[in-house]
Amino acid sequence: MSRGRAFRLRAPGCAAVLALAVGACRAPSPPGRDALQEAFREGVLTAQQARGHRVFLQRCATCHGPEGRGDGQNASTLDPAPPDFRESLAKLSPADRRAVLTGGTAAVGRSPTCPPWGRSLSPEDVDAVVAWLEAAAGPETDAPPGVPR
C-alpha cells in the first residue's frame, strides 16, 4: 500500500476521533427547567399541589391541556369539549371533584368521555390532584404561577 493511500484511509478515522475528543471536552448542558420544581422551591405550590400537577400533566393534560384550560391536543376531537377548569371547578363540590377523578365524568352525570382513574391512581395521587385543582380554581389574585388563572 502506498503512503498516499494509507493516509487517505486513516484521515476519516482521525477526523472521527478528533470530533469525539472535542465533543467530550465541552461542558455538559444544564438540566432542563422544571417549572413545577421551581414553583415548589419558591413556595408557590405545596409539595402535594406540585405532585398533583405532575399527575395531572401525565393523565389529564392530553385532553384538558397543561394548565387545565380545555385546550389539550385531543380536545378538538371530543364532543363535548373538555371544560376550562378556571370556570368549571367552582361549580363542583370537593366530593364531586374526587368523584370525577376516580369514576370519570359519568360519575357525576356528565359525558362519559373522561375516563375513571380510580383504579390506576393511588388515594394519595387523587388527593394531590384535587389539591392542585382546588388551587387552580382559587381566585385570580390568589392563584400562584403555574396554576391556571
C-alpha atoms as a PDB file:
ATOM      1  CA  MET A   1       0.000   0.000   0.000  1.00  0.00           C
ATOM      2  CA  SER A   2       1.411   3.352  -0.939  1.00  0.00           C
ATOM      3  CA  ARG A   3       1.942   6.066   1.586  1.00  0.00           C
ATOM      4  CA  GLY A   4      -0.689   8.356  -0.025  1.00  0.00           C
ATOM      5  CA  ARG A   5      -3.332   5.607   0.102  1.00  0.00           C
ATOM      6  CA  ALA A   6      -2.569   4.821   3.763  1.00  0.00           C
ATOM      7  CA  PHE A   7      -3.053   8.474   4.680  1.00  0.00           C
ATOM      8  CA  ARG A   8      -6.394   8.633   2.855  1.00  0.00           C
ATOM      9  CA  LEU A   9      -7.630   5.588   4.767  1.00  0.00           C
ATOM     10  CA  ARG A  10      -6.576   6.946   8.172  1.00  0.00           C
ATOM     11  CA  ALA A  11      -7.784  10.520   7.689  1.00  0.00           C
ATOM     12  CA  PRO A  12     -11.527   9.764   8.170  1.00  0.00           C
ATOM     13  CA  GLY A  13     -10.753   7.753  11.297  1.00  0.00           C
ATOM     14  CA  CYS A  14      -8.614  10.564  12.719  1.00  0.00           C
ATOM     15  CA  ALA A  15     -11.330  13.101  11.980  1.00  0.00           C
ATOM     16  CA  ALA A  16     -13.891  10.987  13.840  1.00  0.00           C
ATOM     17  CA  VAL A  17     -11.588  10.581  16.858  1.00  0.00           C
ATOM     18  CA  LEU A  18     -10.887  14.317  16.879  1.00  0.00           C
ATOM     19  CA  ALA A  19     -14.628  15.132  16.719  1.00  0.00           C
ATOM     20  CA  LEU A  20     -15.324  12.804  19.658  1.00  0.00           C
ATOM     21  CA  ALA A  21     -12.496  14.309  21.684  1.00  0.00           C
ATOM     22  CA  VAL A  22     -13.692  17.867  21.086  1.00  0.00           C
ATOM     23  CA  GLY A  23     -17.270  16.874  21.926  1.00  0.00           C
ATOM     24  CA  ALA A  24     -16.188  15.235  25.168  1.00  0.00           C
ATOM     25  CA  CYS A  25     -14.329  18.380  26.268  1.00  0.00           C
ATOM     26  CA  ARG A  26     -17.401  20.613  26.080  1.00  0.00           C
ATOM     27  CA  ALA A  27     -19.163  21.442  29.300  1.00  0.00           C
ATOM     28  CA  PRO A  28     -22.365  19.476  29.839  1.00  0.00           C
ATOM     29  CA  SER A  29     -25.544  21.382  29.097  1.00  0.00           C
ATOM     30  CA  PRO A  30     -27.502  22.486  32.149  1.00  0.00           C
ATOM     31  CA  PRO A  31     -30.523  20.394  33.087  1.00  0.00           C
ATOM     32  CA  GLY A  32     -33.850  21.441  31.627  1.00  0.00           C
ATOM     33  CA  ARG A  33     -36.025  23.883  33.529  1.00  0.00           C
ATOM     34  CA  ASP A  34     -38.768  22.225  35.563  1.00  0.00           C
ATOM     35  CA  ALA A  35     -41.437  24.817  36.297  1.00  0.00           C
ATOM     36  CA  LEU A  36     -43.125  22.595  38.890  1.00  0.00           C
ATOM     37  CA  GLN A  37     -39.944  22.115  40.879  1.00  0.00           C
ATOM     38  CA  GLU A  38     -39.264  25.841  40.719  1.00  0.00           C
ATOM     39  CA  ALA A  39     -42.798  26.665  41.894  1.00  0.00           C
ATOM     40  CA  PHE A  40     -42.393  24.225  44.796  1.00  0.00           C
ATOM     41  CA  ARG A  41     -38.960  25.593  45.754  1.00  0.00           C
ATOM     42  CA  GLU A  42     -40.295  29.146  45.698  1.00  0.00           C
ATOM     43  CA  GLY A  43     -43.186  28.180  47.968  1.00  0.00           C
ATOM     44  CA  VAL A  44     -45.783  28.893  45.292  1.00  0.00           C
ATOM     45  CA  LEU A  45     -47.079  25.312  45.300  1.00  0.00           C
ATOM     46  CA  THR A  46     -47.144  22.924  48.212  1.00  0.00           C
ATOM     47  CA  ALA A  47     -45.489  19.539  47.706  1.00  0.00           C
ATOM     48  CA  GLN A  48     -48.930  17.967  47.399  1.00  0.00           C
ATOM     49  CA  GLN A  49     -50.067  20.516  44.776  1.00  0.00           C
ATOM     50  CA  ALA A  50     -46.866  20.055  42.764  1.00  0.00           C
ATOM     51  CA  ARG A  51     -47.378  16.277  42.863  1.00  0.00           C
ATOM     52  CA  GLY A  52     -50.996  16.763  41.792  1.00  0.00           C
ATOM     53  CA  HIS A  53     -49.995  18.962  38.873  1.00  0.00           C
ATOM     54  CA  ARG A  54     -47.434  16.386  37.774  1.00  0.00           C
ATOM     55  CA  VAL A  55     -50.080  13.614  37.856  1.00  0.00           C
ATOM     56  CA  PHE A  56     -52.472  15.941  36.022  1.00  0.00           C
ATOM     57  CA  LEU A  57     -49.849  16.520  33.314  1.00  0.00           C
ATOM     58  CA  GLN A  58     -49.342  12.770  32.935  1.00  0.00           C
ATOM     59  CA  ARG A  59     -53.001  11.705  32.913  1.00  0.00           C
ATOM     60  CA  CYS A  60     -55.238  14.664  32.095  1.00  0.00           C
ATOM     61  CA  ALA A  61     -53.329  17.231  30.024  1.00  0.00           C
ATOM     62  CA  THR A  62     -53.806  15.344  26.749  1.00  0.00           C
ATOM     63  CA  CYS A  63     -57.432  16.476  26.755  1.00  0.00           C
ATOM     64  CA  HIS A  64     -57.533  19.305  29.310  1.00  0.00           C
ATOM     65  CA  GLY A  65     -54.212  20.980  28.403  1.00  0.00           C
ATOM     66  CA  PRO A  66     -51.239  21.501  30.719  1.00  0.00           C
ATOM     67  CA  GLU A  67     -52.931  24.302  32.656  1.00  0.00           C
ATOM     68  CA  GLY A  68     -56.445  22.827  32.626  1.00  0.00           C
ATOM     69  CA  ARG A  69     -57.891  25.253  30.097  1.00  0.00           C
ATOM     70  CA  GLY A  70     -59.580  22.610  27.939  1.00  0.00           C
ATOM     71  CA  ASP A  71     -57.047  23.053  25.153  1.00  0.00           C
ATOM     72  CA  GLY A  72     -55.164  19.742  25.135  1.00  0.00           C
ATOM     73  CA  GLN A  73     -54.051  18.091  21.918  1.00  0.00           C
ATOM     74  CA  ASN A  74     -57.105  15.810  21.881  1.00  0.00           C
ATOM     75  CA  ALA A  75     -59.638  18.480  22.888  1.00  0.00           C
ATOM     76  CA  SER A  76     -60.736  19.253  19.336  1.00  0.00           C
ATOM     77  CA  THR A  77     -61.764  15.634  18.772  1.00  0.00           C
ATOM     78  CA  LEU A  78     -64.023  15.418  21.827  1.00  0.00           C
ATOM     79  CA  ASP A  79     -67.719  16.195  21.997  1.00  0.00           C
ATOM     80  CA  PRO A  80     -68.360  17.794  24.381  1.00  0.00           C
ATOM     81  CA  ALA A  81     -65.004  19.531  24.600  1.00  0.00           C
ATOM     82  CA  PRO A  82     -63.137  19.392  27.931  1.00  0.00           C
ATOM     83  CA  PRO A  83     -64.014  22.310  30.204  1.00  0.00           C
ATOM     84  CA  ASP A  84     -61.757  25.158  31.219  1.00  0.00           C
ATOM     85  CA  PHE A  85     -61.183  24.438  34.909  1.00  0.00           C
ATOM     86  CA  ARG A  86     -60.965  28.138  35.723  1.00  0.00           C
ATOM     87  CA  GLU A  87     -64.702  28.249  35.137  1.00  0.00           C
ATOM     88  CA  SER A  88     -65.990  24.725  35.764  1.00  0.00           C
ATOM     89  CA  LEU A  89     -64.310  23.748  39.046  1.00  0.00           C
ATOM     90  CA  ALA A  90     -66.199  26.321  41.059  1.00  0.00           C
ATOM     91  CA  LYS A  91     -69.401  24.513  40.060  1.00  0.00           C
ATOM     92  CA  LEU A  92     -68.229  21.183  41.523  1.00  0.00           C
ATOM     93  CA  SER A  93     -68.155  20.332  45.198  1.00  0.00           C
ATOM     94  CA  PRO A  94     -64.943  18.793  46.588  1.00  0.00           C
ATOM     95  CA  ALA A  95     -66.742  15.422  46.693  1.00  0.00           C
ATOM     96  CA  ASP A  96     -67.726  15.762  43.020  1.00  0.00           C
ATOM     97  CA  ARG A  97     -64.146  16.684  42.049  1.00  0.00           C
ATOM     98  CA  ARG A  98     -62.971  13.472  43.705  1.00  0.00           C
ATOM     99  CA  ALA A  99     -65.797  11.513  42.039  1.00  0.00           C
ATOM    100  CA  VAL A 100     -64.782  12.811  38.596  1.00  0.00           C
ATOM    101  CA  LEU A 101     -61.177  11.744  39.194  1.00  0.00           C
ATOM    102  CA  THR A 102     -61.992   8.294  40.465  1.00  0.00           C
ATOM    103  CA  GLY A 103     -65.144   7.498  38.470  1.00  0.00           C
ATOM    104  CA  GLY A 104     -64.875   9.685  35.374  1.00  0.00           C
ATOM    105  CA  THR A 105     -67.298  12.427  34.390  1.00  0.00           C
ATOM    106  CA  ALA A 106     -70.118   9.891  34.075  1.00  0.00           C
ATOM    107  CA  ALA A 107     -69.936   9.516  37.877  1.00  0.00           C
ATOM    108  CA  VAL A 108     -71.429  13.000  38.206  1.00  0.00           C
ATOM    109  CA  GLY A 109     -73.974  12.621  35.414  1.00  0.00           C
ATOM    110  CA  ARG A 110     -71.906  14.185  32.643  1.00  0.00           C
ATOM    111  CA  SER A 111     -70.473  12.881  29.376  1.00  0.00           C
ATOM    112  CA  PRO A 112     -68.597   9.564  29.727  1.00  0.00           C
ATOM    113  CA  THR A 113     -65.615  10.800  27.676  1.00  0.00           C
ATOM    114  CA  CYS A 114     -63.406  11.482  30.695  1.00  0.00           C
ATOM    115  CA  PRO A 115     -62.110   8.124  31.939  1.00  0.00           C
ATOM    116  CA  PRO A 116     -62.191   6.958  35.543  1.00  0.00           C
ATOM    117  CA  TRP A 117     -58.739   6.991  37.127  1.00  0.00           C
ATOM    118  CA  GLY A 118     -59.723   5.399  40.445  1.00  0.00           C
ATOM    119  CA  ARG A 119     -58.125   2.046  39.687  1.00  0.00           C
ATOM    120  CA  SER A 120     -54.833   3.437  38.432  1.00  0.00           C
ATOM    121  CA  LEU A 121     -54.245   6.349  40.834  1.00  0.00           C
ATOM    122  CA  SER A 122     -53.372   5.861  44.469  1.00  0.00           C
ATOM    123  CA  PRO A 123     -55.512   7.653  47.066  1.00  0.00           C
ATOM    124  CA  GLU A 124     -52.524   9.959  47.646  1.00  0.00           C
ATOM    125  CA  ASP A 125     -52.399  10.835  43.939  1.00  0.00           C
ATOM    126  CA  VAL A 126     -56.148  11.550  43.931  1.00  0.00           C
ATOM    127  CA  ASP A 127     -55.707  13.818  46.968  1.00  0.00           C
ATOM    128  CA  ALA A 128     -52.802  15.571  45.243  1.00  0.00           C
ATOM    129  CA  VAL A 129     -54.720  16.192  42.006  1.00  0.00           C
ATOM    130  CA  VAL A 130     -57.696  17.509  43.984  1.00  0.00           C
ATOM    131  CA  ALA A 131     -55.329  19.831  45.918  1.00  0.00           C
ATOM    132  CA  TRP A 132     -53.866  21.170  42.676  1.00  0.00           C
ATOM    133  CA  LEU A 133     -57.300  21.580  41.079  1.00  0.00           C
ATOM    134  CA  GLU A 134     -58.565  23.461  44.134  1.00  0.00           C
ATOM    135  CA  ALA A 135     -55.543  25.766  43.972  1.00  0.00           C
ATOM    136  CA  ALA A 136     -56.256  26.219  40.264  1.00  0.00           C
ATOM    137  CA  ALA A 137     -59.893  27.104  40.950  1.00  0.00           C
ATOM    138  CA  GLY A 138     -58.954  29.777  43.509  1.00  0.00           C
ATOM    139  CA  PRO A 139     -59.468  33.474  42.903  1.00  0.00           C
ATOM    140  CA  GLU A 140     -57.274  35.030  40.244  1.00  0.00           C
ATOM    141  CA  THR A 141     -55.247  37.086  42.702  1.00  0.00           C
ATOM    142  CA  ASP A 142     -54.510  34.055  44.875  1.00  0.00           C
ATOM    143  CA  ALA A 143     -53.606  31.649  42.059  1.00  0.00           C
ATOM    144  CA  PRO A 144     -49.831  31.081  42.040  1.00  0.00           C
ATOM    145  CA  PRO A 145     -47.810  30.997  38.810  1.00  0.00           C
ATOM    146  CA  GLY A 146     -48.058  27.616  37.116  1.00  0.00           C
ATOM    147  CA  VAL A 147     -51.669  27.297  38.222  1.00  0.00           C
ATOM    148  CA  PRO A 148     -54.444  28.129  35.751  1.00  0.00           C
ATOM    149  CA  ARG A 149     -55.908  31.580  36.217  1.00  0.00           C
END
